[in-house]
PDB file of all heavy atoms in Angstrom:
ATOM      1  N   ASN A   1      24.373  77.093  69.102  1.00  0.00           N
ATOM      2  CA  ASN A   1      23.377  76.069  69.424  1.00  0.00           C
ATOM      3  C   ASN A   1      23.992  74.814  70.026  1.00  0.00           C
ATOM      4  O   ASN A   1      23.274  73.842  70.297  1.00  0.00           O
ATOM      5  CB  ASN A   1      22.584  75.684  68.168  1.00  0.00           C
ATOM      6  CG  ASN A   1      21.705  76.822  67.674  1.00  0.00           C
ATOM      7  OD1 ASN A   1      21.175  77.596  68.473  1.00  0.00           O
ATOM      8  ND2 ASN A   1      21.573  76.953  66.364  1.00  0.00           N
ATOM      9  N   PHE A   2      25.304  74.816  70.229  1.00  0.00           N
ATOM     10  CA  PHE A   2      25.954  73.641  70.819  1.00  0.00           C
ATOM     11  C   PHE A   2      25.410  73.396  72.224  1.00  0.00           C
ATOM     12  O   PHE A   2      25.376  74.299  73.059  1.00  0.00           O
ATOM     13  CB  PHE A   2      27.468  73.855  70.889  1.00  0.00           C
ATOM     14  CG  PHE A   2      28.216  72.698  71.493  1.00  0.00           C
ATOM     15  CD1 PHE A   2      28.567  71.603  70.725  1.00  0.00           C
ATOM     16  CD2 PHE A   2      28.561  72.705  72.848  1.00  0.00           C
ATOM     17  CE1 PHE A   2      29.267  70.530  71.279  1.00  0.00           C
ATOM     18  CE2 PHE A   2      29.255  71.642  73.405  1.00  0.00           C
ATOM     19  CZ  PHE A   2      29.601  70.556  72.617  1.00  0.00           C
ATOM     20  N   SER A   3      24.994  72.183  72.475  1.00  0.00           N
ATOM     21  CA  SER A   3      24.433  71.837  73.783  1.00  0.00           C
ATOM     22  C   SER A   3      25.423  71.005  74.579  1.00  0.00           C
ATOM     23  O   SER A   3      25.944  70.000  74.086  1.00  0.00           O
ATOM     24  CB  SER A   3      23.127  71.057  73.613  1.00  0.00           C
ATOM     25  OG  SER A   3      22.638  70.640  74.882  1.00  0.00           O
ATOM     26  N   ASP A   4      25.683  71.450  75.804  1.00  0.00           N
ATOM     27  CA  ASP A   4      26.588  70.695  76.676  1.00  0.00           C
ATOM     28  C   ASP A   4      25.829  69.756  77.598  1.00  0.00           C
ATOM     29  O   ASP A   4      26.406  69.157  78.511  1.00  0.00           O
ATOM     30  CB  ASP A   4      27.463  71.637  77.502  1.00  0.00           C
ATOM     31  CG  ASP A   4      26.642  72.569  78.400  1.00  0.00           C
ATOM     32  OD1 ASP A   4      25.403  72.416  78.447  1.00  0.00           O
ATOM     33  OD2 ASP A   4      27.248  73.443  79.050  1.00  0.00           O
ATOM     34  N   LYS A   5      24.520  69.605  77.351  1.00  0.00           N
ATOM     35  CA  LYS A   5      23.709  68.708  78.181  1.00  0.00           C
ATOM     36  C   LYS A   5      24.109  67.260  77.942  1.00  0.00           C
ATOM     37  O   LYS A   5      24.374  66.850  76.814  1.00  0.00           O
ATOM     38  CB  LYS A   5      22.229  68.905  77.886  1.00  0.00           C
ATOM     39  CG  LYS A   5      21.682  70.251  78.346  1.00  0.00           C
ATOM     40  CD  LYS A   5      20.195  70.375  78.049  1.00  0.00           C
ATOM     41  CE  LYS A   5      19.663  71.722  78.519  1.00  0.00           C
ATOM     42  NZ  LYS A   5      18.210  71.875  78.214  1.00  0.00           N
ATOM     43  N   ASN A   6      24.133  66.495  79.024  1.00  0.00           N
ATOM     44  CA  ASN A   6      24.549  65.101  78.951  1.00  0.00           C
ATOM     45  C   ASN A   6      23.598  64.267  79.805  1.00  0.00           C
ATOM     46  O   ASN A   6      23.580  64.391  81.032  1.00  0.00           O
ATOM     47  CB  ASN A   6      25.995  64.976  79.444  1.00  0.00           C
ATOM     48  CG  ASN A   6      26.472  63.543  79.518  1.00  0.00           C
ATOM     49  OD1 ASN A   6      25.854  62.641  78.957  1.00  0.00           O
ATOM     50  ND2 ASN A   6      27.561  63.329  80.217  1.00  0.00           N
ATOM     51  N   LEU A   7      22.825  63.422  79.159  1.00  0.00           N
ATOM     52  CA  LEU A   7      21.844  62.609  79.876  1.00  0.00           C
ATOM     53  C   LEU A   7      22.485  61.535  80.746  1.00  0.00           C
ATOM     54  O   LEU A   7      21.833  60.971  81.619  1.00  0.00           O
ATOM     55  CB  LEU A   7      20.894  61.941  78.875  1.00  0.00           C
ATOM     56  CG  LEU A   7      20.026  62.888  78.040  1.00  0.00           C
ATOM     57  CD1 LEU A   7      19.219  62.090  77.018  1.00  0.00           C
ATOM     58  CD2 LEU A   7      19.100  63.697  78.934  1.00  0.00           C
ATOM     59  N   MET A   8      23.762  61.274  80.521  1.00  0.00           N
ATOM     60  CA  MET A   8      24.440  60.197  81.259  1.00  0.00           C
ATOM     61  C   MET A   8      25.413  60.703  82.316  1.00  0.00           C
ATOM     62  O   MET A   8      26.146  59.918  82.912  1.00  0.00           O
ATOM     63  CB  MET A   8      25.162  59.284  80.271  1.00  0.00           C
ATOM     64  CG  MET A   8      24.203  58.546  79.349  1.00  0.00           C
ATOM     65  SD  MET A   8      25.036  57.426  78.212  1.00  0.00           S
ATOM     66  CE  MET A   8      25.871  58.567  77.136  1.00  0.00           C
ATOM     67  N   GLY A   9      25.432  61.996  82.553  1.00  0.00           N
ATOM     68  CA  GLY A   9      26.349  62.507  83.561  1.00  0.00           C
ATOM     69  C   GLY A   9      26.356  64.017  83.621  1.00  0.00           C
ATOM     70  O   GLY A   9      25.392  64.681  83.243  1.00  0.00           O
ATOM     71  N   GLU A  10      27.489  64.562  84.090  1.00  0.00           N
ATOM     72  CA  GLU A  10      27.631  66.007  84.178  1.00  0.00           C
ATOM     73  C   GLU A  10      27.662  66.608  82.785  1.00  0.00           C
ATOM     74  O   GLU A  10      27.872  65.919  81.789  1.00  0.00           O
ATOM     75  CB  GLU A  10      28.929  66.354  84.918  1.00  0.00           C
ATOM     76  CG  GLU A  10      28.962  65.921  86.370  1.00  0.00           C
ATOM     77  CD  GLU A  10      30.260  66.353  87.035  1.00  0.00           C
ATOM     78  OE1 GLU A  10      30.558  67.559  87.016  1.00  0.00           O
ATOM     79  OE2 GLU A  10      30.981  65.482  87.552  1.00  0.00           O
ATOM     80  N   GLN A  11      27.483  67.919  82.709  1.00  0.00           N
ATOM     81  CA  GLN A  11      27.518  68.592  81.417  1.00  0.00           C
ATOM     82  C   GLN A  11      28.891  68.421  80.774  1.00  0.00           C
ATOM     83  O   GLN A  11      29.910  68.255  81.451  1.00  0.00           O
ATOM     84  CB  GLN A  11      27.196  70.072  81.584  1.00  0.00           C
ATOM     85  CG  GLN A  11      28.232  70.858  82.381  1.00  0.00           C
ATOM     86  CD  GLN A  11      27.786  72.286  82.621  1.00  0.00           C
ATOM     87  OE1 GLN A  11      26.665  72.540  83.015  1.00  0.00           O
ATOM     88  NE2 GLN A  11      28.672  73.241  82.374  1.00  0.00           N
ATOM     89  N   ILE A  12      28.912  68.460  79.455  1.00  0.00           N
ATOM     90  CA  ILE A  12      30.162  68.314  78.711  1.00  0.00           C
ATOM     91  C   ILE A  12      31.037  69.530  78.990  1.00  0.00           C
ATOM     92  O   ILE A  12      30.622  70.671  78.802  1.00  0.00           O
ATOM     93  CB  ILE A  12      29.865  68.194  77.210  1.00  0.00           C
ATOM     94  CG1 ILE A  12      28.985  66.971  76.944  1.00  0.00           C
ATOM     95  CG2 ILE A  12      31.154  68.104  76.406  1.00  0.00           C
ATOM     96  CD1 ILE A  12      28.429  66.922  75.549  1.00  0.00           C
ATOM     97  N   ASP A  13      32.239  69.285  79.449  1.00  0.00           N
ATOM     98  CA  ASP A  13      33.116  70.396  79.838  1.00  0.00           C
ATOM     99  C   ASP A  13      34.547  69.875  79.950  1.00  0.00           C
ATOM    100  O   ASP A  13      34.802  68.672  79.917  1.00  0.00           O
ATOM    101  CB  ASP A  13      32.662  70.977  81.183  1.00  0.00           C
ATOM    102  CG  ASP A  13      33.181  72.398  81.411  1.00  0.00           C
ATOM    103  OD1 ASP A  13      34.006  72.875  80.601  1.00  0.00           O
ATOM    104  OD2 ASP A  13      32.770  73.019  82.407  1.00  0.00           O
ATOM    105  N   PHE A  14      35.477  70.819  80.123  1.00  0.00           N
ATOM    106  CA  PHE A  14      36.867  70.451  80.345  1.00  0.00           C
ATOM    107  C   PHE A  14      37.065  69.988  81.782  1.00  0.00           C
ATOM    108  O   PHE A  14      36.504  70.575  82.707  1.00  0.00           O
ATOM    109  CB  PHE A  14      37.798  71.630  80.067  1.00  0.00           C
ATOM    110  CG  PHE A  14      37.841  72.058  78.627  1.00  0.00           C
ATOM    111  CD1 PHE A  14      37.243  73.244  78.223  1.00  0.00           C
ATOM    112  CD2 PHE A  14      38.459  71.279  77.674  1.00  0.00           C
ATOM    113  CE1 PHE A  14      37.272  73.641  76.904  1.00  0.00           C
ATOM    114  CE2 PHE A  14      38.495  71.657  76.343  1.00  0.00           C
ATOM    115  CZ  PHE A  14      37.905  72.839  75.959  1.00  0.00           C
ATOM    116  N   LYS A  15      37.866  68.974  81.942  1.00  0.00           N
ATOM    117  CA  LYS A  15      38.330  68.585  83.271  1.00  0.00           C
ATOM    118  C   LYS A  15      39.601  69.348  83.586  1.00  0.00           C
ATOM    119  O   LYS A  15      39.815  69.826  84.694  1.00  0.00           O
ATOM    120  CB  LYS A  15      38.610  67.077  83.309  1.00  0.00           C
ATOM    121  CG  LYS A  15      39.021  66.516  84.672  1.00  0.00           C
ATOM    122  CD  LYS A  15      39.342  65.038  84.567  1.00  0.00           C
ATOM    123  CE  LYS A  15      39.703  64.455  85.921  1.00  0.00           C
ATOM    124  NZ  LYS A  15      38.495  64.219  86.760  1.00  0.00           N
ATOM    125  N   ASP A  16      40.458  69.491  82.553  1.00  0.00           N
ATOM    126  CA  ASP A  16      41.710  70.237  82.666  1.00  0.00           C
ATOM    127  C   ASP A  16      42.128  70.632  81.250  1.00  0.00           C
ATOM    128  O   ASP A  16      42.818  69.880  80.569  1.00  0.00           O
ATOM    129  CB  ASP A  16      42.784  69.370  83.329  1.00  0.00           C
ATOM    130  CG  ASP A  16      44.086  70.117  83.580  1.00  0.00           C
ATOM    131  OD1 ASP A  16      44.234  71.238  83.058  1.00  0.00           O
ATOM    132  OD2 ASP A  16      44.952  69.582  84.284  1.00  0.00           O
ATOM    133  N   ALA A  17      41.687  71.799  80.808  1.00  0.00           N
ATOM    134  CA  ALA A  17      41.923  72.220  79.423  1.00  0.00           C
ATOM    135  C   ALA A  17      43.408  72.328  79.102  1.00  0.00           C
ATOM    136  O   ALA A  17      43.840  72.011  77.995  1.00  0.00           O
ATOM    137  CB  ALA A  17      41.232  73.562  79.168  1.00  0.00           C
ATOM    138  N   LYS A  18      44.192  72.770  80.063  1.00  0.00           N
ATOM    139  CA  LYS A  18      45.633  72.933  79.844  1.00  0.00           C
ATOM    140  C   LYS A  18      46.301  71.603  79.533  1.00  0.00           C
ATOM    141  O   LYS A  18      47.235  71.534  78.731  1.00  0.00           O
ATOM    142  CB  LYS A  18      46.265  73.559  81.094  1.00  0.00           C
ATOM    143  CG  LYS A  18      47.750  73.837  80.977  1.00  0.00           C
ATOM    144  CD  LYS A  18      48.273  74.500  82.232  1.00  0.00           C
ATOM    145  CE  LYS A  18      49.762  74.770  82.147  1.00  0.00           C
ATOM    146  NZ  LYS A  18      50.275  75.422  83.383  1.00  0.00           N
ATOM    147  N   ASN A  19      45.804  70.535  80.153  1.00  0.00           N
ATOM    148  CA  ASN A  19      46.395  69.208  79.962  1.00  0.00           C
ATOM    149  C   ASN A  19      45.554  68.305  79.053  1.00  0.00           C
ATOM    150  O   ASN A  19      45.653  67.080  79.128  1.00  0.00           O
ATOM    151  CB  ASN A  19      46.613  68.541  81.318  1.00  0.00           C
ATOM    152  CG  ASN A  19      47.760  69.172  82.082  1.00  0.00           C
ATOM    153  OD1 ASN A  19      48.894  69.183  81.622  1.00  0.00           O
ATOM    154  ND2 ASN A  19      47.464  69.731  83.242  1.00  0.00           N
ATOM    155  N   LEU A  20      44.736  68.932  78.211  1.00  0.00           N
ATOM    156  CA  LEU A  20      43.990  68.218  77.169  1.00  0.00           C
ATOM    157  C   LEU A  20      43.031  67.170  77.729  1.00  0.00           C
ATOM    158  O   LEU A  20      42.898  66.070  77.184  1.00  0.00           O
ATOM    159  CB  LEU A  20      44.975  67.537  76.192  1.00  0.00           C
ATOM    160  CG  LEU A  20      45.959  68.459  75.457  1.00  0.00           C
ATOM    161  CD1 LEU A  20      46.990  67.635  74.696  1.00  0.00           C
ATOM    162  CD2 LEU A  20      45.206  69.378  74.504  1.00  0.00           C
ATOM    163  N   LYS A  21      42.315  67.522  78.789  1.00  0.00           N
ATOM    164  CA  LYS A  21      41.402  66.564  79.409  1.00  0.00           C
ATOM    165  C   LYS A  21      39.972  67.091  79.452  1.00  0.00           C
ATOM    166  O   LYS A  21      39.727  68.226  79.880  1.00  0.00           O
ATOM    167  CB  LYS A  21      41.858  66.232  80.832  1.00  0.00           C
ATOM    168  CG  LYS A  21      43.181  65.485  80.912  1.00  0.00           C
ATOM    169  CD  LYS A  21      43.558  65.198  82.367  1.00  0.00           C
ATOM    170  CE  LYS A  21      44.901  64.485  82.457  1.00  0.00           C
ATOM    171  NZ  LYS A  21      45.267  64.196  83.862  1.00  0.00           N
ATOM    172  N   LEU A  22      39.030  66.245  79.001  1.00  0.00           N
ATOM    173  CA  LEU A  22      37.609  66.509  79.156  1.00  0.00           C
ATOM    174  C   LEU A  22      37.075  65.669  80.305  1.00  0.00           C
ATOM    175  O   LEU A  22      37.676  64.645  80.671  1.00  0.00           O
ATOM    176  CB  LEU A  22      36.851  66.125  77.879  1.00  0.00           C
ATOM    177  CG  LEU A  22      37.271  66.796  76.571  1.00  0.00           C
ATOM    178  CD1 LEU A  22      36.476  66.207  75.406  1.00  0.00           C
ATOM    179  CD2 LEU A  22      37.067  68.292  76.645  1.00  0.00           C
ATOM    180  N   LYS A  23      35.958  66.101  80.873  1.00  0.00           N
ATOM    181  CA  LYS A  23      35.317  65.302  81.918  1.00  0.00           C
ATOM    182  C   LYS A  23      34.880  63.958  81.361  1.00  0.00           C
ATOM    183  O   LYS A  23      34.437  63.858  80.211  1.00  0.00           O
ATOM    184  CB  LYS A  23      34.097  66.031  82.479  1.00  0.00           C
ATOM    185  CG  LYS A  23      34.418  67.244  83.326  1.00  0.00           C
ATOM    186  CD  LYS A  23      33.125  67.862  83.850  1.00  0.00           C
ATOM    187  CE  LYS A  23      33.394  69.075  84.736  1.00  0.00           C
ATOM    188  NZ  LYS A  23      32.125  69.677  85.213  1.00  0.00           N
ATOM    189  N   PHE A  24      34.994  62.928  82.180  1.00  0.00           N
ATOM    190  CA  PHE A  24      34.475  61.615  81.796  1.00  0.00           C
ATOM    191  C   PHE A  24      32.966  61.726  81.680  1.00  0.00           C
ATOM    192  O   PHE A  24      32.293  62.197  82.593  1.00  0.00           O
ATOM    193  CB  PHE A  24      34.867  60.576  82.848  1.00  0.00           C
ATOM    194  CG  PHE A  24      34.653  59.156  82.417  1.00  0.00           C
ATOM    195  CD1 PHE A  24      35.627  58.479  81.699  1.00  0.00           C
ATOM    196  CD2 PHE A  24      33.475  58.491  82.717  1.00  0.00           C
ATOM    197  CE1 PHE A  24      35.433  57.169  81.294  1.00  0.00           C
ATOM    198  CE2 PHE A  24      33.262  57.191  82.315  1.00  0.00           C
ATOM    199  CZ  PHE A  24      34.250  56.521  81.602  1.00  0.00           C
ATOM    200  N   GLY A  25      32.410  61.283  80.547  1.00  0.00           N
ATOM    201  CA  GLY A  25      31.027  61.586  80.229  1.00  0.00           C
ATOM    202  C   GLY A  25      29.965  60.773  80.936  1.00  0.00           C
ATOM    203  O   GLY A  25      28.805  61.171  80.957  1.00  0.00           O
ATOM    204  N   ILE A  26      30.330  59.626  81.529  1.00  0.00           N
ATOM    205  CA  ILE A  26      29.322  58.774  82.162  1.00  0.00           C
ATOM    206  C   ILE A  26      29.537  58.777  83.674  1.00  0.00           C
ATOM    207  O   ILE A  26      30.477  58.168  84.185  1.00  0.00           O
ATOM    208  CB  ILE A  26      29.395  57.330  81.628  1.00  0.00           C
ATOM    209  CG1 ILE A  26      29.133  57.325  80.115  1.00  0.00           C
ATOM    210  CG2 ILE A  26      28.379  56.441  82.334  1.00  0.00           C
ATOM    211  CD1 ILE A  26      29.223  55.960  79.474  1.00  0.00           C
ATOM    212  N   SER A  27      28.676  59.487  84.374  1.00  0.00           N
ATOM    213  CA  SER A  27      28.785  59.532  85.835  1.00  0.00           C
ATOM    214  C   SER A  27      27.530  58.978  86.505  1.00  0.00           C
ATOM    215  O   SER A  27      27.496  58.798  87.717  1.00  0.00           O
ATOM    216  CB  SER A  27      29.024  60.966  86.312  1.00  0.00           C
ATOM    217  OG  SER A  27      27.990  61.830  85.885  1.00  0.00           O
ATOM    218  N   ARG A  28      26.497  58.712  85.702  1.00  0.00           N
ATOM    219  CA  ARG A  28      25.289  58.088  86.233  1.00  0.00           C
ATOM    220  C   ARG A  28      25.295  56.605  85.861  1.00  0.00           C
ATOM    221  O   ARG A  28      26.037  56.171  84.983  1.00  0.00           O
ATOM    222  CB  ARG A  28      24.049  58.764  85.658  1.00  0.00           C
ATOM    223  CG  ARG A  28      23.932  60.223  86.090  1.00  0.00           C
ATOM    224  CD  ARG A  28      22.798  60.927  85.384  1.00  0.00           C
ATOM    225  NE  ARG A  28      22.805  62.361  85.697  1.00  0.00           N
ATOM    226  CZ  ARG A  28      22.214  63.279  84.972  1.00  0.00           C
ATOM    227  NH1 ARG A  28      21.560  62.929  83.881  1.00  0.00           N
ATOM    228  NH2 ARG A  28      22.270  64.549  85.316  1.00  0.00           N
ATOM    229  N   LYS A  29      24.433  55.842  86.515  1.00  0.00           N
ATOM    230  CA  LYS A  29      24.364  54.416  86.242  1.00  0.00           C
ATOM    231  C   LYS A  29      24.035  54.180  84.779  1.00  0.00           C
ATOM    232  O   LYS A  29      23.093  54.737  84.235  1.00  0.00           O
ATOM    233  CB  LYS A  29      23.306  53.758  87.129  1.00  0.00           C
ATOM    234  CG  LYS A  29      23.276  52.239  87.010  1.00  0.00           C
ATOM    235  CD  LYS A  29      22.260  51.642  87.958  1.00  0.00           C
ATOM    236  CE  LYS A  29      22.237  50.121  87.836  1.00  0.00           C
ATOM    237  NZ  LYS A  29      21.246  49.500  88.754  1.00  0.00           N
ATOM    238  N   ALA A  30      24.847  53.347  84.128  1.00  0.00           N
ATOM    239  CA  ALA A  30      24.642  53.071  82.709  1.00  0.00           C
ATOM    240  C   ALA A  30      24.816  51.587  82.446  1.00  0.00           C
ATOM    241  O   ALA A  30      25.508  50.879  83.194  1.00  0.00           O
ATOM    242  CB  ALA A  30      25.642  53.866  81.872  1.00  0.00           C
ATOM    243  N   GLU A  31      24.206  51.130  81.376  1.00  0.00           N
ATOM    244  CA  GLU A  31      24.346  49.734  80.986  1.00  0.00           C
ATOM    245  C   GLU A  31      25.784  49.470  80.557  1.00  0.00           C
ATOM    246  O   GLU A  31      26.482  50.351  80.048  1.00  0.00           O
ATOM    247  CB  GLU A  31      23.392  49.411  79.835  1.00  0.00           C
ATOM    248  CG  GLU A  31      21.917  49.578  80.163  1.00  0.00           C
ATOM    249  CD  GLU A  31      21.424  48.556  81.181  1.00  0.00           C
ATOM    250  OE1 GLU A  31      22.089  47.519  81.359  1.00  0.00           O
ATOM    251  OE2 GLU A  31      20.376  48.809  81.798  1.00  0.00           O
ATOM    252  N   ASP A  32      26.212  48.225  80.740  1.00  0.00           N
ATOM    253  CA  ASP A  32      27.581  47.840  80.420  1.00  0.00           C
ATOM    254  C   ASP A  32      27.915  48.145  78.956  1.00  0.00           C
ATOM    255  O   ASP A  32      29.000  48.643  78.645  1.00  0.00           O
ATOM    256  CB  ASP A  32      27.784  46.351  80.713  1.00  0.00           C
ATOM    257  CG  ASP A  32      29.229  45.924  80.564  1.00  0.00           C
ATOM    258  OD1 ASP A  32      30.053  46.301  81.410  1.00  0.00           O
ATOM    259  OD2 ASP A  32      29.546  45.223  79.578  1.00  0.00           O
ATOM    260  N   TYR A  33      26.993  47.863  78.052  1.00  0.00           N
ATOM    261  CA  TYR A  33      27.262  48.073  76.627  1.00  0.00           C
ATOM    262  C   TYR A  33      27.427  49.549  76.296  1.00  0.00           C
ATOM    263  O   TYR A  33      28.135  49.919  75.355  1.00  0.00           O
ATOM    264  CB  TYR A  33      26.165  47.450  75.755  1.00  0.00           C
ATOM    265  CG  TYR A  33      24.782  48.029  75.909  1.00  0.00           C
ATOM    266  CD1 TYR A  33      24.399  49.174  75.211  1.00  0.00           C
ATOM    267  CD2 TYR A  33      23.843  47.427  76.746  1.00  0.00           C
ATOM    268  CE1 TYR A  33      23.132  49.705  75.358  1.00  0.00           C
ATOM    269  CE2 TYR A  33      22.563  47.951  76.901  1.00  0.00           C
ATOM    270  CZ  TYR A  33      22.210  49.096  76.200  1.00  0.00           C
ATOM    271  OH  TYR A  33      20.951  49.620  76.332  1.00  0.00           O
ATOM    272  N   MET A  34      26.792  50.435  77.086  1.00  0.00           N
ATOM    273  CA  MET A  34      26.940  51.870  76.867  1.00  0.00           C
ATOM    274  C   MET A  34      28.350  52.324  77.219  1.00  0.00           C
ATOM    275  O   MET A  34      28.967  53.110  76.488  1.00  0.00           O
ATOM    276  CB  MET A  34      25.913  52.637  77.694  1.00  0.00           C
ATOM    277  CG  MET A  34      24.468  52.342  77.308  1.00  0.00           C
ATOM    278  SD  MET A  34      23.269  53.063  78.469  1.00  0.00           S
ATOM    279  CE  MET A  34      23.475  54.806  78.130  1.00  0.00           C
TER     280      MET A  34
END
């Protein structure tokens, strides 16, 4: 039931699994405090 949906950007996923990197989660316009 794990959901990779992300309302603030691309879906939750690896950017580079071998080098311990996940995608940056905020790719859409967001408030500064977010």
